[in-house]
């Protein structure tokens, strides 16, 4: 049974909760993968930054510091997305 105006037949009835749970699960998988990849990249950039500081390579250190700030922005974005999903699916 579908409700007039519904774009998907699974938005109502016995499959509605399952559809919602699948959407939430897939969103969490995506955000978790994004966060995991970002953490690995941050670790690599932090190591390169530390090496640049040890070599006193100011240009490379400044470049890596900028990359680290960008990565931290990605962490904030992922955190905000997790919060949004919590609000949507609560």
C-alpha atoms as a PDB file:
ATOM      1  CA  UNK A   1       0.000   0.000   0.000  1.00  0.00           C
ATOM      2  CA  UNK A   2       1.334   3.437  -0.874  1.00  0.00           C
ATOM      3  CA  UNK A   3       0.221   6.875   0.174  1.00  0.00           C
ATOM      4  CA  UNK A   4      -0.634   9.390  -2.505  1.00  0.00           C
ATOM      5  CA  UNK A   5       2.361  11.657  -3.035  1.00  0.00           C
ATOM      6  CA  UNK A   6       4.913   9.102  -1.842  1.00  0.00           C
ATOM      7  CA  UNK A   7       7.817   8.752  -4.232  1.00  0.00           C
ATOM      8  CA  UNK A   8       8.766   5.321  -2.959  1.00  0.00           C
ATOM      9  CA  UNK A   9       6.494   2.412  -2.168  1.00  0.00           C
ATOM     10  CA  UNK A  10       8.616   1.541   0.882  1.00  0.00           C
ATOM     11  CA  UNK A  11       8.033   4.886   2.629  1.00  0.00           C
ATOM     12  CA  UNK A  12       4.958   3.522   4.413  1.00  0.00           C
ATOM     13  CA  UNK A  13       3.777   0.252   5.785  1.00  0.00           C
ATOM     14  CA  UNK A  14       5.800  -2.638   7.114  1.00  0.00           C
ATOM     15  CA  UNK A  15       8.947  -1.796   5.132  1.00  0.00           C
ATOM     16  CA  UNK A  16       9.211   1.851   6.223  1.00  0.00           C
ATOM     17  CA  UNK A  17      11.314   1.119   9.324  1.00  0.00           C
ATOM     18  CA  UNK A  18      13.576  -1.284   7.416  1.00  0.00           C
ATOM     19  CA  UNK A  19      14.111   1.334   4.708  1.00  0.00           C
ATOM     20  CA  UNK A  20      14.968   3.925   7.353  1.00  0.00           C
ATOM     21  CA  UNK A  21      17.413   1.548   9.054  1.00  0.00           C
ATOM     22  CA  UNK A  22      19.133   0.698   5.749  1.00  0.00           C
ATOM     23  CA  UNK A  23      19.479   4.409   4.958  1.00  0.00           C
ATOM     24  CA  UNK A  24      20.967   5.085   8.386  1.00  0.00           C
ATOM     25  CA  UNK A  25      23.325   2.099   8.144  1.00  0.00           C
ATOM     26  CA  UNK A  26      24.636   3.072   4.703  1.00  0.00           C
ATOM     27  CA  UNK A  27      25.115   6.682   5.795  1.00  0.00           C
ATOM     28  CA  UNK A  28      27.066   5.567   8.865  1.00  0.00           C
ATOM     29  CA  UNK A  29      29.241   3.252   6.764  1.00  0.00           C
ATOM     30  CA  UNK A  30      30.053   6.107   4.372  1.00  0.00           C
ATOM     31  CA  UNK A  31      30.855   8.569   7.156  1.00  0.00           C
ATOM     32  CA  UNK A  32      32.941   5.997   9.030  1.00  0.00           C
ATOM     33  CA  UNK A  33      34.956   5.242   5.886  1.00  0.00           C
ATOM     34  CA  UNK A  34      35.464   8.972   5.286  1.00  0.00           C
ATOM     35  CA  UNK A  35      36.670   9.460   8.851  1.00  0.00           C
ATOM     36  CA  UNK A  36      38.969   6.424   8.708  1.00  0.00           C
ATOM     37  CA  UNK A  37      40.596   7.584   5.462  1.00  0.00           C
ATOM     38  CA  UNK A  38      40.972  11.088   6.880  1.00  0.00           C
ATOM     39  CA  UNK A  39      42.657   9.783  10.029  1.00  0.00           C
ATOM     40  CA  UNK A  40      45.175   7.760   8.000  1.00  0.00           C
ATOM     41  CA  UNK A  41      45.916  10.763   5.815  1.00  0.00           C
ATOM     42  CA  UNK A  42      46.241  13.049   8.866  1.00  0.00           C
ATOM     43  CA  UNK A  43      48.737  10.661  10.443  1.00  0.00           C
ATOM     44  CA  UNK A  44      50.850  10.643   7.257  1.00  0.00           C
ATOM     45  CA  UNK A  45      50.769  14.435   6.927  1.00  0.00           C
ATOM     46  CA  UNK A  46      51.614  14.876  10.616  1.00  0.00           C
ATOM     47  CA  UNK A  47      54.666  12.638  10.153  1.00  0.00           C
ATOM     48  CA  UNK A  48      55.735  14.637   7.072  1.00  0.00           C
ATOM     49  CA  UNK A  49      55.238  17.878   9.020  1.00  0.00           C
ATOM     50  CA  UNK A  50      57.384  16.602  11.886  1.00  0.00           C
ATOM     51  CA  UNK A  51      60.109  15.571   9.424  1.00  0.00           C
ATOM     52  CA  UNK A  52      60.017  19.021   7.787  1.00  0.00           C
ATOM     53  CA  UNK A  53      60.392  20.685  11.195  1.00  0.00           C
ATOM     54  CA  UNK A  54      63.328  18.395  12.035  1.00  0.00           C
ATOM     55  CA  UNK A  55      65.011  19.327   8.717  1.00  0.00           C
ATOM     56  CA  UNK A  56      64.167  22.999   9.339  1.00  0.00           C
ATOM     57  CA  UNK A  57      62.382  23.115   5.968  1.00  0.00           C
ATOM     58  CA  UNK A  58      60.094  26.061   6.667  1.00  0.00           C
ATOM     59  CA  UNK A  59      58.369  26.004   3.279  1.00  0.00           C
ATOM     60  CA  UNK A  60      57.474  22.307   3.532  1.00  0.00           C
ATOM     61  CA  UNK A  61      56.452  22.706   7.182  1.00  0.00           C
ATOM     62  CA  UNK A  62      54.103  25.565   6.270  1.00  0.00           C
ATOM     63  CA  UNK A  63      52.600  23.493   3.456  1.00  0.00           C
ATOM     64  CA  UNK A  64      52.055  20.495   5.729  1.00  0.00           C
ATOM     65  CA  UNK A  65      50.602  22.708   8.454  1.00  0.00           C
ATOM     66  CA  UNK A  66      48.031  23.986   5.936  1.00  0.00           C
ATOM     67  CA  UNK A  67      47.205  20.390   4.972  1.00  0.00           C
ATOM     68  CA  UNK A  68      46.782  19.472   8.649  1.00  0.00           C
ATOM     69  CA  UNK A  69      44.329  22.336   9.142  1.00  0.00           C
ATOM     70  CA  UNK A  70      42.385  21.142   6.109  1.00  0.00           C
ATOM     71  CA  UNK A  71      42.228  17.639   7.546  1.00  0.00           C
ATOM     72  CA  UNK A  72      40.987  18.983  10.871  1.00  0.00           C
ATOM     73  CA  UNK A  73      38.224  20.740   8.916  1.00  0.00           C
ATOM     74  CA  UNK A  74      37.260  17.371   7.466  1.00  0.00           C
ATOM     75  CA  UNK A  75      37.034  15.934  10.980  1.00  0.00           C
ATOM     76  CA  UNK A  76      34.678  18.730  11.975  1.00  0.00           C
ATOM     77  CA  UNK A  77      32.601  18.123   8.859  1.00  0.00           C
ATOM     78  CA  UNK A  78      32.329  14.395   9.576  1.00  0.00           C
ATOM     79  CA  UNK A  79      31.353  15.131  13.167  1.00  0.00           C
ATOM     80  CA  UNK A  80      28.662  17.552  12.005  1.00  0.00           C
ATOM     81  CA  UNK A  81      27.355  14.961   9.548  1.00  0.00           C
ATOM     82  CA  UNK A  82      27.120  12.332  12.315  1.00  0.00           C
ATOM     83  CA  UNK A  83      25.214  14.859  14.440  1.00  0.00           C
ATOM     84  CA  UNK A  84      22.877  15.621  11.526  1.00  0.00           C
ATOM     85  CA  UNK A  85      22.142  11.926  10.977  1.00  0.00           C
ATOM     86  CA  UNK A  86      21.418  11.549  14.688  1.00  0.00           C
ATOM     87  CA  UNK A  87      18.886  14.380  14.457  1.00  0.00           C
ATOM     88  CA  UNK A  88      17.286  13.062  11.273  1.00  0.00           C
ATOM     89  CA  UNK A  89      16.946   9.493  12.492  1.00  0.00           C
ATOM     90  CA  UNK A  90      16.085  10.176  16.136  1.00  0.00           C
END
